[in-house]
PDB file of N, CA and C in Angstrom:
ATOM      1  N   MET A   1      43.187-175.790  62.502  1.00  0.00           N
ATOM      2  CA  MET A   1      42.732-175.896  63.865  1.00  0.00           C
ATOM      3  C   MET A   1      41.711-174.801  64.166  1.00  0.00           C
ATOM      4  N   LYS A   2      41.917-173.635  63.558  1.00  0.00           N
ATOM      5  CA  LYS A   2      40.953-172.549  63.767  1.00  0.00           C
ATOM      6  C   LYS A   2      39.561-172.965  63.315  1.00  0.00           C
ATOM      7  N   GLU A   3      39.498-173.590  62.145  1.00  0.00           N
ATOM      8  CA  GLU A   3      38.199-173.979  61.591  1.00  0.00           C
ATOM      9  C   GLU A   3      37.516-175.036  62.448  1.00  0.00           C
ATOM     10  N   LEU A   4      38.301-175.839  63.142  1.00  0.00           N
ATOM     11  CA  LEU A   4      37.735-176.870  64.012  1.00  0.00           C
ATOM     12  C   LEU A   4      37.449-176.337  65.411  1.00  0.00           C
ATOM     13  N   GLY A   5      37.915-175.136  65.698  1.00  0.00           N
ATOM     14  CA  GLY A   5      37.651-174.510  66.991  1.00  0.00           C
ATOM     15  C   GLY A   5      38.513-175.045  68.121  1.00  0.00           C
ATOM     16  N   ILE A   6      39.751-175.423  67.798  1.00  0.00           N
ATOM     17  CA  ILE A   6      40.636-175.939  68.846  1.00  0.00           C
ATOM     18  C   ILE A   6      41.932-175.132  68.881  1.00  0.00           C
ATOM     19  N   GLU A   7      42.566-175.141  70.057  1.00  0.00           N
ATOM     20  CA  GLU A   7      43.820-174.425  70.257  1.00  0.00           C
ATOM     21  C   GLU A   7      45.013-175.381  70.248  1.00  0.00           C
ATOM     22  N   GLU A   8      44.844-176.578  70.763  1.00  0.00           N
ATOM     23  CA  GLU A   8      45.927-177.557  70.902  1.00  0.00           C
ATOM     24  C   GLU A   8      45.544-178.854  70.199  1.00  0.00           C
ATOM     25  N   LEU A   9      46.551-179.589  69.739  1.00  0.00           N
ATOM     26  CA  LEU A   9      46.294-180.866  69.071  1.00  0.00           C
ATOM     27  C   LEU A   9      45.621-181.879  69.998  1.00  0.00           C
ATOM     28  N   GLU A  10      45.868-181.768  71.288  1.00  0.00           N
ATOM     29  CA  GLU A  10      45.269-182.692  72.252  1.00  0.00           C
ATOM     30  C   GLU A  10      43.745-182.555  72.287  1.00  0.00           C
ATOM     31  N   GLU A  11      43.229-181.448  71.801  1.00  0.00           N
ATOM     32  CA  GLU A  11      41.785-181.197  71.821  1.00  0.00           C
ATOM     33  C   GLU A  11      41.080-181.786  70.595  1.00  0.00           C
ATOM     34  N   MET A  12      41.792-182.526  69.755  1.00  0.00           N
ATOM     35  CA  MET A  12      41.216-183.051  68.510  1.00  0.00           C
ATOM     36  C   MET A  12      39.937-183.838  68.745  1.00  0.00           C
ATOM     37  N   SER A  13      39.887-184.615  69.812  1.00  0.00           N
ATOM     38  CA  SER A  13      38.698-185.434  70.056  1.00  0.00           C
ATOM     39  C   SER A  13      37.470-184.566  70.330  1.00  0.00           C
ATOM     40  N   GLN A  14      37.679-183.330  70.784  1.00  0.00           N
ATOM     41  CA  GLN A  14      36.565-182.438  71.087  1.00  0.00           C
ATOM     42  C   GLN A  14      36.033-181.718  69.850  1.00  0.00           C
ATOM     43  N   CYS A  15      36.815-181.686  68.784  1.00  0.00           N
ATOM     44  CA  CYS A  15      36.410-180.898  67.619  1.00  0.00           C
ATOM     45  C   CYS A  15      35.471-181.652  66.679  1.00  0.00           C
ATOM     46  N   VAL A  16      35.434-182.963  66.774  1.00  0.00           N
ATOM     47  CA  VAL A  16      34.563-183.764  65.916  1.00  0.00           C
ATOM     48  C   VAL A  16      33.165-183.756  66.528  1.00  0.00           C
ATOM     49  N   PRO A  17      32.127-183.581  65.706  1.00  0.00           N
ATOM     50  CA  PRO A  17      30.760-183.602  66.252  1.00  0.00           C
ATOM     51  C   PRO A  17      30.506-184.887  67.056  1.00  0.00           C
ATOM     52  N   HIS A  18      29.720-184.776  68.116  1.00  0.00           N
ATOM     53  CA  HIS A  18      29.485-185.906  69.031  1.00  0.00           C
ATOM     54  C   HIS A  18      28.896-187.122  68.321  1.00  0.00           C
ATOM     55  N   GLN A  19      28.023-186.904  67.368  1.00  0.00           N
ATOM     56  CA  GLN A  19      27.342-188.008  66.694  1.00  0.00           C
ATOM     57  C   GLN A  19      28.157-188.572  65.534  1.00  0.00           C
ATOM     58  N   PHE A  20      29.350-188.071  65.299  1.00  0.00           N
ATOM     59  CA  PHE A  20      30.151-188.430  64.124  1.00  0.00           C
ATOM     60  C   PHE A  20      30.288-189.942  63.957  1.00  0.00           C
ATOM     61  N   GLU A  21      30.535-190.668  65.029  1.00  0.00           N
ATOM     62  CA  GLU A  21      30.742-192.121  64.954  1.00  0.00           C
ATOM     63  C   GLU A  21      29.488-192.846  64.478  1.00  0.00           C
ATOM     64  N   SER A  22      28.327-192.295  64.761  1.00  0.00           N
ATOM     65  CA  SER A  22      27.086-192.974  64.360  1.00  0.00           C
ATOM     66  C   SER A  22      26.619-192.577  62.955  1.00  0.00           C
ATOM     67  N   TRP A  23      27.284-191.616  62.339  1.00  0.00           N
ATOM     68  CA  TRP A  23      26.901-191.171  60.994  1.00  0.00           C
ATOM     69  C   TRP A  23      27.219-192.247  59.962  1.00  0.00           C
ATOM     70  N   THR A  24      26.513-192.197  58.852  1.00  0.00           N
ATOM     71  CA  THR A  24      26.818-193.095  57.737  1.00  0.00           C
ATOM     72  C   THR A  24      28.098-192.614  57.066  1.00  0.00           C
ATOM     73  N   LYS A  25      28.674-193.490  56.251  1.00  0.00           N
ATOM     74  CA  LYS A  25      29.890-193.098  55.519  1.00  0.00           C
ATOM     75  C   LYS A  25      29.616-191.894  54.628  1.00  0.00           C
ATOM     76  N   ALA A  26      28.437-191.871  54.007  1.00  0.00           N
ATOM     77  CA  ALA A  26      28.083-190.763  53.110  1.00  0.00           C
ATOM     78  C   ALA A  26      28.020-189.445  53.875  1.00  0.00           C
ATOM     79  N   LYS A  27      27.410-189.478  55.084  1.00  0.00           N
ATOM     80  CA  LYS A  27      27.292-188.249  55.877  1.00  0.00           C
ATOM     81  C   LYS A  27      28.674-187.790  56.366  1.00  0.00           C
ATOM     82  N   LYS A  28      29.520-188.741  56.773  1.00  0.00           N
ATOM     83  CA  LYS A  28      30.886-188.394  57.192  1.00  0.00           C
ATOM     84  C   LYS A  28      31.646-187.761  56.028  1.00  0.00           C
ATOM     85  N   LYS A  29      31.501-188.369  54.857  1.00  0.00           N
ATOM     86  CA  LYS A  29      32.185-187.859  53.664  1.00  0.00           C
ATOM     87  C   LYS A  29      31.720-186.434  53.360  1.00  0.00           C
ATOM     88  N   GLU A  30      30.412-186.206  53.422  1.00  0.00           N
ATOM     89  CA  GLU A  30      29.858-184.872  53.146  1.00  0.00           C
ATOM     90  C   GLU A  30      30.411-183.844  54.143  1.00  0.00           C
ATOM     91  N   TYR A  31      30.445-184.210  55.424  1.00  0.00           N
ATOM     92  CA  TYR A  31      30.960-183.311  56.458  1.00  0.00           C
ATOM     93  C   TYR A  31      32.427-182.953  56.192  1.00  0.00           C
ATOM     94  N   LEU A  32      33.235-183.973  55.901  1.00  0.00           N
ATOM     95  CA  LEU A  32      34.662-183.739  55.664  1.00  0.00           C
ATOM     96  C   LEU A  32      34.898-182.930  54.388  1.00  0.00           C
ATOM     97  N   GLU A  33      34.089-183.163  53.346  1.00  0.00           N
ATOM     98  CA  GLU A  33      34.224-182.380  52.108  1.00  0.00           C
ATOM     99  C   GLU A  33      33.887-180.914  52.349  1.00  0.00           C
ATOM    100  N   GLU A  34      32.827-180.664  53.129  1.00  0.00           N
ATOM    101  CA  GLU A  34      32.451-179.284  53.443  1.00  0.00           C
ATOM    102  C   GLU A  34      33.546-178.596  54.263  1.00  0.00           C
ATOM    103  N   LEU A  35      34.110-179.321  55.218  1.00  0.00           N
ATOM    104  CA  LEU A  35      35.183-178.770  56.044  1.00  0.00           C
ATOM    105  C   LEU A  35      36.411-178.469  55.187  1.00  0.00           C
ATOM    106  N   ALA A  36      36.769-179.400  54.316  1.00  0.00           N
ATOM    107  CA  ALA A  36      37.920-179.193  53.424  1.00  0.00           C
ATOM    108  C   ALA A  36      37.678-178.008  52.492  1.00  0.00           C
ATOM    109  N   ALA A  37      36.465-177.895  51.945  1.00  0.00           N
ATOM    110  CA  ALA A  37      36.136-176.780  51.048  1.00  0.00           C
ATOM    111  C   ALA A  37      36.250-175.450  51.783  1.00  0.00           C
ATOM    112  N   THR A  38      35.788-175.413  53.020  1.00  0.00           N
ATOM    113  CA  THR A  38      35.878-174.188  53.821  1.00  0.00           C
ATOM    114  C   THR A  38      37.337-173.789  54.030  1.00  0.00           C
ATOM    115  N   ILE A  39      38.172-174.762  54.357  1.00  0.00           N
ATOM    116  CA  ILE A  39      39.593-174.483  54.597  1.00  0.00           C
ATOM    117  C   ILE A  39      40.275-174.011  53.318  1.00  0.00           C
ATOM    118  N   VAL A  40      40.009-174.701  52.208  1.00  0.00           N
ATOM    119  CA  VAL A  40      40.619-174.315  50.930  1.00  0.00           C
ATOM    120  C   VAL A  40      40.172-172.916  50.532  1.00  0.00           C
ATOM    121  N   ASP A  41      38.865-172.651  50.627  1.00  0.00           N
ATOM    122  CA  ASP A  41      38.348-171.333  50.252  1.00  0.00           C
ATOM    123  C   ASP A  41      38.956-170.226  51.108  1.00  0.00           C
ATOM    124  N   LYS A  42      39.088-170.489  52.386  1.00  0.00           N
ATOM    125  CA  LYS A  42      39.540-169.449  53.298  1.00  0.00           C
ATOM    126  C   LYS A  42      41.051-169.219  53.260  1.00  0.00           C
ATOM    127  N   TYR A  43      41.829-170.285  53.140  1.00  0.00           N
ATOM    128  CA  TYR A  43      43.278-170.147  53.302  1.00  0.00           C
ATOM    129  C   TYR A  43      44.093-170.338  52.027  1.00  0.00           C
ATOM    130  N   ILE A  44      43.529-170.966  51.022  1.00  0.00           N
ATOM    131  CA  ILE A  44      44.312-171.250  49.817  1.00  0.00           C
ATOM    132  C   ILE A  44      43.902-170.368  48.649  1.00  0.00           C
ATOM    133  N   LEU A  45      42.608-170.250  48.416  1.00  0.00           N
ATOM    134  CA  LEU A  45      42.140-169.443  47.289  1.00  0.00           C
ATOM    135  C   LEU A  45      42.154-167.961  47.635  1.00  0.00           C
ATOM    136  N   ASP A  46      42.560-167.176  46.696  1.00  0.00           N
ATOM    137  CA  ASP A  46      42.523-165.723  46.831  1.00  0.00           C
ATOM    138  C   ASP A  46      41.156-165.287  46.306  1.00  0.00           C
ATOM    139  N   THR A  47      40.253-164.885  47.196  1.00  0.00           N
ATOM    140  CA  THR A  47      38.884-164.580  46.776  1.00  0.00           C
ATOM    141  C   THR A  47      38.823-163.416  45.799  1.00  0.00           C
ATOM    142  N   ALA A  48      39.691-162.428  45.959  1.00  0.00           N
ATOM    143  CA  ALA A  48      39.679-161.295  45.020  1.00  0.00           C
ATOM    144  C   ALA A  48      40.062-161.771  43.623  1.00  0.00           C
ATOM    145  N   LYS A  49      41.100-162.608  43.550  1.00  0.00           N
ATOM    146  CA  LYS A  49      41.530-163.141  42.260  1.00  0.00           C
ATOM    147  C   LYS A  49      40.432-164.032  41.670  1.00  0.00           C
ATOM    148  N   HIS A  50      39.802-164.816  42.536  1.00  0.00           N
ATOM    149  CA  HIS A  50      38.724-165.702  42.085  1.00  0.00           C
ATOM    150  C   HIS A  50      37.569-164.889  41.492  1.00  0.00           C
ATOM    151  N   LYS A  51      37.214-163.781  42.138  1.00  0.00           N
ATOM    152  CA  LYS A  51      36.129-162.931  41.631  1.00  0.00           C
ATOM    153  C   LYS A  51      36.493-162.328  40.274  1.00  0.00           C
ATOM    154  N   LYS A  52      37.754-161.910  40.124  1.00  0.00           N
ATOM    155  CA  LYS A  52      38.204-161.351  38.838  1.00  0.00           C
ATOM    156  C   LYS A  52      38.125-162.400  37.738  1.00  0.00           C
ATOM    157  N   ILE A  53      38.543-163.619  38.047  1.00  0.00           N
ATOM    158  CA  ILE A  53      38.491-164.702  37.063  1.00  0.00           C
ATOM    159  C   ILE A  53      37.045-165.006  36.694  1.00  0.00           C
ATOM    160  N   ALA A  54      36.173-165.065  37.689  1.00  0.00           N
ATOM    161  CA  ALA A  54      34.759-165.339  37.427  1.00  0.00           C
ATOM    162  C   ALA A  54      34.140-164.237  36.570  1.00  0.00           C
ATOM    163  N   LEU A  55      34.479-162.978  36.851  1.00  0.00           N
ATOM    164  CA  LEU A  55      33.959-161.854  36.074  1.00  0.00           C
ATOM    165  C   LEU A  55      34.466-161.908  34.638  1.00  0.00           C
ATOM    166  N   ALA A  56      35.757-162.169  34.469  1.00  0.00           N
ATOM    167  CA  ALA A  56      36.334-162.259  33.123  1.00  0.00           C
ATOM    168  C   ALA A  56      35.694-163.395  32.334  1.00  0.00           C
ATOM    169  N   THR A  57      35.472-164.522  32.980  1.00  0.00           N
ATOM    170  CA  THR A  57      34.827-165.661  32.323  1.00  0.00           C
ATOM    171  C   THR A  57      33.415-165.294  31.897  1.00  0.00           C
ATOM    172  N   SER A  58      32.694-164.634  32.776  1.00  0.00           N
ATOM    173  CA  SER A  58      31.327-164.213  32.468  1.00  0.00           C
ATOM    174  C   SER A  58      31.300-163.253  31.282  1.00  0.00           C
ATOM    175  N   GLN A  59      32.233-162.301  31.271  1.00  0.00           N
ATOM    176  CA  GLN A  59      32.286-161.338  30.170  1.00  0.00           C
ATOM    177  C   GLN A  59      32.624-162.023  28.848  1.00  0.00           C
ATOM    178  N   LEU A  60      33.540-162.982  28.882  1.00  0.00           N
ATOM    179  CA  LEU A  60      33.884-163.725  27.665  1.00  0.00           C
ATOM    180  C   LEU A  60      32.695-164.535  27.155  1.00  0.00           C
ATOM    181  N   GLU A  61      31.945-165.132  28.079  1.00  0.00           N
ATOM    182  CA  GLU A  61      30.763-165.901  27.680  1.00  0.00           C
ATOM    183  C   GLU A  61      29.724-164.988  27.037  1.00  0.00           C
ATOM    184  N   GLU A  62      29.511-163.806  27.624  1.00  0.00           N
ATOM    185  CA  GLU A  62      28.561-162.849  27.058  1.00  0.00           C
ATOM    186  C   GLU A  62      28.996-162.404  25.666  1.00  0.00           C
ATOM    187  N   LYS A  63      30.288-162.141  25.511  1.00  0.00           N
ATOM    188  CA  LYS A  63      30.814-161.714  24.214  1.00  0.00           C
ATOM    189  C   LYS A  63      30.628-162.819  23.172  1.00  0.00           C
ATOM    190  N   GLN A  64      30.893-164.062  23.568  1.00  0.00           N
ATOM    191  CA  GLN A  64      30.724-165.187  22.651  1.00  0.00           C
ATOM    192  C   GLN A  64      29.255-165.347  22.262  1.00  0.00           C
ATOM    193  N   LEU A  65      28.343-165.199  23.225  1.00  0.00           N
ATOM    194  CA  LEU A  65      26.913-165.292  22.916  1.00  0.00           C
ATOM    195  C   LEU A  65      26.497-164.193  21.944  1.00  0.00           C
ATOM    196  N   GLN A  66      27.030-162.985  22.135  1.00  0.00           N
ATOM    197  CA  GLN A  66      26.722-161.874  21.234  1.00  0.00           C
ATOM    198  C   GLN A  66      27.245-162.170  19.836  1.00  0.00           C
ATOM    199  N   ARG A  67      28.451-162.721  19.750  1.00  0.00           N
ATOM    200  CA  ARG A  67      29.021-163.055  18.440  1.00  0.00           C
ATOM    201  C   ARG A  67      28.161-164.109  17.745  1.00  0.00           C
ATOM    202  N   LEU A  68      27.697-165.107  18.492  1.00  0.00           N
ATOM    203  CA  LEU A  68      26.854-166.146  17.896  1.00  0.00           C
ATOM    204  C   LEU A  68      25.521-165.561  17.439  1.00  0.00           C
ATOM    205  N   LYS A  69      25.013-164.604  18.205  1.00  0.00           N
ATOM    206  CA  LYS A  69      23.754-163.944  17.856  1.00  0.00           C
ATOM    207  C   LYS A  69      23.895-163.155  16.555  1.00  0.00           C
ATOM    208  N   ASP A  70      25.079-162.613  16.308  1.00  0.00           N
ATOM    209  CA  ASP A  70      25.334-161.802  15.116  1.00  0.00           C
ATOM    210  C   ASP A  70      25.621-162.642  13.874  1.00  0.00           C
ATOM    211  N   MET A  71      25.605-163.967  14.004  1.00  0.00           N
ATOM    212  CA  MET A  71      25.941-164.823  12.865  1.00  0.00           C
ATOM    213  C   MET A  71      24.690-165.229  12.087  1.00  0.00           C
ATOM    214  N   THR A  72      24.888-165.439  10.785  1.00  0.00           N
ATOM    215  CA  THR A  72      23.815-165.965   9.942  1.00  0.00           C
ATOM    216  C   THR A  72      23.838-167.486  10.047  1.00  0.00           C
ATOM    217  N   SER A  73      22.836-168.134   9.464  1.00  0.00           N
ATOM    218  CA  SER A  73      22.786-169.596   9.495  1.00  0.00           C
ATOM    219  C   SER A  73      23.949-170.214   8.722  1.00  0.00           C
ATOM    220  N   SER A  74      24.537-169.452   7.804  1.00  0.00           N
ATOM    221  CA  SER A  74      25.672-169.964   7.032  1.00  0.00           C
ATOM    222  C   SER A  74      27.014-169.685   7.717  1.00  0.00           C
ATOM    223  N   GLY A  75      26.969-169.118   8.930  1.00  0.00           N
ATOM    224  CA  GLY A  75      28.196-168.894   9.688  1.00  0.00           C
ATOM    225  C   GLY A  75      28.890-167.582   9.397  1.00  0.00           C
ATOM    226  N   ARG A  76      28.225-166.662   8.719  1.00  0.00           N
ATOM    227  CA  ARG A  76      28.817-165.347   8.435  1.00  0.00           C
ATOM    228  C   ARG A  76      28.315-164.351   9.474  1.00  0.00           C
ATOM    229  N   TYR A  77      29.089-163.302   9.674  1.00  0.00           N
ATOM    230  CA  TYR A  77      28.739-162.276  10.655  1.00  0.00           C
ATOM    231  C   TYR A  77      27.969-161.145   9.987  1.00  0.00           C
ATOM    232  N   LYS A  78      26.802-160.807  10.581  1.00  0.00           N
ATOM    233  CA  LYS A  78      25.963-159.730  10.043  1.00  0.00           C
ATOM    234  C   LYS A  78      26.500-158.374  10.497  1.00  0.00           C
ATOM    235  N   CYS A  79      26.319-157.377   9.642  1.00  0.00           N
ATOM    236  CA  CYS A  79      26.597-155.998  10.040  1.00  0.00           C
ATOM    237  C   CYS A  79      25.550-155.637  11.091  1.00  0.00           C
ATOM    238  N   ARG A  80      25.957-154.958  12.155  1.00  0.00           N
ATOM    239  CA  ARG A  80      25.033-154.641  13.246  1.00  0.00           C
ATOM    240  C   ARG A  80      24.314-153.311  13.061  1.00  0.00           C
ATOM    241  N   VAL A  81      24.532-152.645  11.940  1.00  0.00           N
ATOM    242  CA  VAL A  81      23.849-151.379  11.678  1.00  0.00           C
ATOM    243  C   VAL A  81      22.453-151.708  11.149  1.00  0.00           C
ATOM    244  N   PRO A  82      21.402-151.159  11.771  1.00  0.00           N
ATOM    245  CA  PRO A  82      20.045-151.440  11.305  1.00  0.00           C
ATOM    246  C   PRO A  82      19.875-151.082   9.826  1.00  0.00           C
ATOM    247  N   GLY A  83      19.287-151.988   9.080  1.00  0.00           N
ATOM    248  CA  GLY A  83      19.032-151.747   7.666  1.00  0.00           C
ATOM    249  C   GLY A  83      20.152-152.186   6.741  1.00  0.00           C
ATOM    250  N   CYS A  84      21.317-152.518   7.268  1.00  0.00           N
ATOM    251  CA  CYS A  84      22.433-152.966   6.430  1.00  0.00           C
ATOM    252  C   CYS A  84      22.398-154.489   6.344  1.00  0.00           C
ATOM    253  N   ASN A  85      22.460-155.004   5.136  1.00  0.00           N
ATOM    254  CA  ASN A  85      22.363-156.448   4.930  1.00  0.00           C
ATOM    255  C   ASN A  85      23.704-157.113   4.638  1.00  0.00           C
ATOM    256  N   LYS A  86      24.802-156.401   4.801  1.00  0.00           N
ATOM    257  CA  LYS A  86      26.117-156.983   4.511  1.00  0.00           C
ATOM    258  C   LYS A  86      26.457-158.060   5.540  1.00  0.00           C
ATOM    259  N   THR A  87      27.207-159.060   5.075  1.00  0.00           N
ATOM    260  CA  THR A  87      27.727-160.088   5.972  1.00  0.00           C
ATOM    261  C   THR A  87      29.228-160.222   5.740  1.00  0.00           C
ATOM    262  N   PHE A  88      29.911-160.755   6.741  1.00  0.00           N
ATOM    263  CA  PHE A  88      31.364-160.870   6.693  1.00  0.00           C
ATOM    264  C   PHE A  88      31.782-162.274   7.102  1.00  0.00           C
ATOM    265  N   ARG A  89      32.837-162.765   6.464  1.00  0.00           N
ATOM    266  CA  ARG A  89      33.341-164.109   6.730  1.00  0.00           C
ATOM    267  C   ARG A  89      33.818-164.244   8.173  1.00  0.00           C
ATOM    268  N   SER A  90      34.426-163.179   8.704  1.00  0.00           N
ATOM    269  CA  SER A  90      34.930-163.239  10.080  1.00  0.00           C
ATOM    270  C   SER A  90      34.576-161.945  10.809  1.00  0.00           C
ATOM    271  N   ASP A  91      34.641-162.030  12.116  1.00  0.00           N
ATOM    272  CA  ASP A  91      34.379-160.849  12.949  1.00  0.00           C
ATOM    273  C   ASP A  91      35.708-160.132  13.135  1.00  0.00           C
ATOM    274  N   GLY A  92      36.185-159.557  12.043  1.00  0.00           N
ATOM    275  CA  GLY A  92      37.512-158.951  12.067  1.00  0.00           C
ATOM    276  C   GLY A  92      37.525-157.527  11.574  1.00  0.00           C
ATOM    277  N   LYS A  93      38.644-157.176  10.957  1.00  0.00           N
ATOM    278  CA  LYS A  93      38.908-155.800  10.544  1.00  0.00           C
ATOM    279  C   LYS A  93      37.841-155.261   9.602  1.00  0.00           C
ATOM    280  N   TRP A  94      37.460-156.039   8.578  1.00  0.00           N
ATOM    281  CA  TRP A  94      36.510-155.522   7.590  1.00  0.00           C
ATOM    282  C   TRP A  94      35.172-155.170   8.228  1.00  0.00           C
ATOM    283  N   ARG A  95      34.686-156.032   9.097  1.00  0.00           N
ATOM    284  CA  ARG A  95      33.408-155.757   9.754  1.00  0.00           C
ATOM    285  C   ARG A  95      33.528-154.538  10.656  1.00  0.00           C
ATOM    286  N   HIS A  96      34.586-154.464  11.420  1.00  0.00           N
ATOM    287  CA  HIS A  96      34.756-153.355  12.365  1.00  0.00           C
ATOM    288  C   HIS A  96      35.039-152.031  11.658  1.00  0.00           C
ATOM    289  N   THR A  97      35.622-152.078  10.468  1.00  0.00           N
ATOM    290  CA  THR A  97      35.845-150.865   9.677  1.00  0.00           C
ATOM    291  C   THR A  97      34.546-150.440   9.005  1.00  0.00           C
ATOM    292  N   HIS A  98      33.772-151.409   8.538  1.00  0.00           N
ATOM    293  CA  HIS A  98      32.538-151.129   7.808  1.00  0.00           C
ATOM    294  C   HIS A  98      31.459-150.522   8.706  1.00  0.00           C
ATOM    295  N   GLU A  99      31.287-151.049   9.909  1.00  0.00           N
ATOM    296  CA  GLU A  99      30.158-150.633  10.749  1.00  0.00           C
ATOM    297  C   GLU A  99      30.142-149.141  11.073  1.00  0.00           C
ATOM    298  N   PRO A 100      31.236-148.508  11.471  1.00  0.00           N
ATOM    299  CA  PRO A 100      31.175-147.059  11.722  1.00  0.00           C
ATOM    300  C   PRO A 100      30.826-146.264  10.462  1.00  0.00           C
ATOM    301  N   VAL A 101      31.356-146.680   9.318  1.00  0.00           N
ATOM    302  CA  VAL A 101      31.057-145.992   8.057  1.00  0.00           C
ATOM    303  C   VAL A 101      29.585-146.177   7.722  1.00  0.00           C
ATOM    304  N   SER A 102      29.108-147.400   7.858  1.00  0.00           N
ATOM    305  CA  SER A 102      27.713-147.706   7.563  1.00  0.00           C
ATOM    306  C   SER A 102      26.780-146.968   8.518  1.00  0.00           C
ATOM    307  N   GLN A 103      27.183-146.881   9.792  1.00  0.00           N
ATOM    308  CA  GLN A 103      26.382-146.177  10.802  1.00  0.00           C
ATOM    309  C   GLN A 103      26.240-144.706  10.431  1.00  0.00           C
ATOM    310  N   SER A 104      27.335-144.049  10.061  1.00  0.00           N
ATOM    311  CA  SER A 104      27.273-142.624   9.724  1.00  0.00           C
ATOM    312  C   SER A 104      26.484-142.418   8.435  1.00  0.00           C
ATOM    313  N   THR A 105      26.596-143.328   7.475  1.00  0.00           N
ATOM    314  CA  THR A 105      25.828-143.230   6.235  1.00  0.00           C
ATOM    315  C   THR A 105      24.346-143.398   6.530  1.00  0.00           C
ATOM    316  N   SER A 106      24.029-144.334   7.419  1.00  0.00           N
ATOM    317  CA  SER A 106      22.642-144.582   7.797  1.00  0.00           C
ATOM    318  C   SER A 106      22.045-143.353   8.480  1.00  0.00           C
ATOM    319  N   GLN A 107      22.808-142.722   9.379  1.00  0.00           N
ATOM    320  CA  GLN A 107      22.333-141.520  10.058  1.00  0.00           C
ATOM    321  C   GLN A 107      22.170-140.379   9.060  1.00  0.00           C
ATOM    322  N   HIS A 108      23.080-140.272   8.098  1.00  0.00           N
ATOM    323  CA  HIS A 108      23.004-139.233   7.085  1.00  0.00           C
ATOM    324  C   HIS A 108      21.741-139.430   6.239  1.00  0.00           C
ATOM    325  N   ARG A 109      21.464-140.694   5.857  1.00  0.00           N
ATOM    326  CA  ARG A 109      20.264-140.974   5.057  1.00  0.00           C
ATOM    327  C   ARG A 109      19.000-140.601   5.817  1.00  0.00           C
ATOM    328  N   ARG A 110      18.958-140.935   7.115  1.00  0.00           N
ATOM    329  CA  ARG A 110      17.770-140.616   7.911  1.00  0.00           C
ATOM    330  C   ARG A 110      17.583-139.109   8.032  1.00  0.00           C
ATOM    331  N   ALA A 111      18.681-138.376   8.186  1.00  0.00           N
ATOM    332  CA  ALA A 111      18.605-136.919   8.337  1.00  0.00           C
ATOM    333  C   ALA A 111      18.123-136.266   7.045  1.00  0.00           C
ATOM    334  N   THR A 112      18.594-136.757   5.894  1.00  0.00           N
ATOM    335  CA  THR A 112      18.193-136.138   4.625  1.00  0.00           C
ATOM    336  C   THR A 112      16.770-136.516   4.243  1.00  0.00           C
ATOM    337  N   THR A 113      16.302-137.708   4.625  1.00  0.00           N
ATOM    338  CA  THR A 113      14.922-138.085   4.299  1.00  0.00           C
ATOM    339  C   THR A 113      13.934-137.428   5.241  1.00  0.00           C
ATOM    340  N   ALA A 114      14.371-137.011   6.415  1.00  0.00           N
ATOM    341  CA  ALA A 114      13.485-136.348   7.366  1.00  0.00           C
ATOM    342  C   ALA A 114      13.195-134.912   6.951  1.00  0.00           C
ATOM    343  N   ASP A 115      14.055-134.319   6.125  1.00  0.00           N
ATOM    344  CA  ASP A 115      13.871-132.915   5.710  1.00  0.00           C
ATOM    345  C   ASP A 115      12.725-132.731   4.778  1.00  0.00           C
TER     346      ASP A 115
END
């Protein structure tokens, strides 16, 4: 009733737009869908929870895109250390163990060649 702007059920006839009877079925349907969506969004959905879910979904999509970017055409995962050509069957323990070691070795090589 709040969304329709009425205090009592007897006022129902006043809450519908004046031209409602002359609208097409499609326009009536659109109006009622928008009204229902407003009510559901405001009173049923928890907007804070919805935002958290949307953020988590977005982060998962970004992570998946990054994983796909790190794959070779044969479906193997590339080492992300510049200059390392190793690939791994899965994005698991071996890759995650290798990259820090490879990174420190790469930095060590650059430091010794710069001298």
